[in-house]
């Protein structure tokens, strides 16, 4: 069975949003930010891996793009001969 990383991302996203909403509601209801700080930290703990994975994917996409550009620049041109210098 292959592990689906997108499912994990969805679960982290959903759990992060739900805990943030619950923490905000409890803070407004109880007027106590310090008492609900731990719920905010759970939410943050769900968001940090998502941001890390997004940056990794962006870096990989950029590396692929640069590799394609380098390959295009190094590709020999057909039909053109380089001029030889006379000695």
Protein backbone atom coordinates (compact mmCIF):
# COMPACT_ATOMS: atom_id res chain seq x y z
CA UNK A 1 0.00 0.00 0.00
CA UNK A 2 1.39 3.36 -1.02
CA UNK A 3 1.25 6.26 1.44
CA UNK A 4 -0.71 9.25 0.17
CA UNK A 5 1.03 12.45 1.24
CA UNK A 6 -1.79 14.64 -0.03
CA UNK A 7 -4.18 12.98 2.43
CA UNK A 8 -1.80 13.80 5.28
CA UNK A 9 -1.62 17.41 4.06
CA UNK A 10 -5.41 17.61 4.02
CA UNK A 11 -5.67 16.20 7.55
CA UNK A 12 -3.05 18.65 8.86
CA UNK A 13 -4.80 21.56 7.15
CA UNK A 14 -8.24 20.61 8.47
CA UNK A 15 -7.02 19.93 12.00
CA UNK A 16 -5.05 23.19 12.03
CA UNK A 17 -8.07 25.22 10.94
CA UNK A 18 -10.40 23.50 13.40
CA UNK A 19 -8.06 23.98 16.36
CA UNK A 20 -7.51 27.64 15.43
CA UNK A 21 -11.27 28.27 15.29
CA UNK A 22 -11.80 26.47 18.61
CA UNK A 23 -8.95 28.41 20.25
CA UNK A 24 -10.31 31.72 18.98
CA UNK A 25 -13.83 30.89 20.15
CA UNK A 26 -12.61 29.85 23.61
CA UNK A 27 -10.47 32.97 23.90
CA UNK A 28 -13.41 35.24 23.08
CA UNK A 29 -15.78 33.27 25.30
CA UNK A 30 -13.48 33.09 28.32
CA UNK A 31 -11.51 36.30 27.67
CA UNK A 32 -8.35 34.34 28.50
CA UNK A 33 -5.64 34.11 25.84
CA UNK A 34 -3.04 32.59 28.17
CA UNK A 35 -5.33 29.73 29.14
CA UNK A 36 -5.96 28.82 25.49
CA UNK A 37 -2.40 29.32 24.29
CA UNK A 38 -1.81 25.56 24.06
CA UNK A 39 -4.67 25.19 21.56
CA UNK A 40 -3.07 27.85 19.36
CA UNK A 41 0.21 25.94 19.53
CA UNK A 42 -1.49 22.75 18.32
CA UNK A 43 -2.82 24.74 15.39
CA UNK A 44 0.64 26.14 14.68
CA UNK A 45 2.11 22.65 14.92
CA UNK A 46 -0.21 21.56 12.12
CA UNK A 47 0.71 24.51 9.90
CA UNK A 48 4.50 24.26 10.18
CA UNK A 49 4.90 20.96 8.27
CA UNK A 50 2.58 22.26 5.56
CA UNK A 51 4.73 25.35 5.05
CA UNK A 52 7.89 23.23 5.01
CA UNK A 53 6.48 20.86 2.38
CA UNK A 54 5.27 23.76 0.22
CA UNK A 55 8.73 25.32 0.24
CA UNK A 56 10.32 21.99 -0.65
CA UNK A 57 7.95 21.57 -3.59
CA UNK A 58 8.63 25.11 -4.78
CA UNK A 59 12.38 24.50 -4.56
CA UNK A 60 12.08 21.25 -6.54
CA UNK A 61 10.00 22.97 -9.22
CA UNK A 62 12.57 25.75 -9.49
CA UNK A 63 15.43 23.24 -9.75
CA UNK A 64 13.61 21.40 -12.56
CA UNK A 65 13.01 24.69 -14.38
CA UNK A 66 16.67 25.70 -14.09
CA UNK A 67 17.79 22.24 -15.24
CA UNK A 68 15.60 22.55 -18.35
CA UNK A 69 17.03 26.00 -19.09
CA UNK A 70 20.60 24.73 -18.70
CA UNK A 71 19.86 21.74 -20.94
CA UNK A 72 18.41 24.07 -23.58
CA UNK A 73 21.50 26.28 -23.45
CA UNK A 74 23.86 23.29 -23.71
CA UNK A 75 21.98 21.70 -26.59
CA UNK A 76 24.05 21.76 -29.77
CA UNK A 77 22.51 23.58 -32.72
CA UNK A 78 22.02 21.49 -35.84
CA UNK A 79 23.37 22.69 -39.15
CA UNK A 80 25.61 25.43 -37.86
CA UNK A 81 29.31 24.91 -37.91
CA UNK A 82 31.55 26.83 -35.64
CA UNK A 83 34.02 29.03 -37.52
CA UNK A 84 37.60 27.82 -37.32
CA UNK A 85 40.36 30.26 -36.73
CA UNK A 86 43.26 30.37 -39.15
CA UNK A 87 46.70 30.24 -37.70
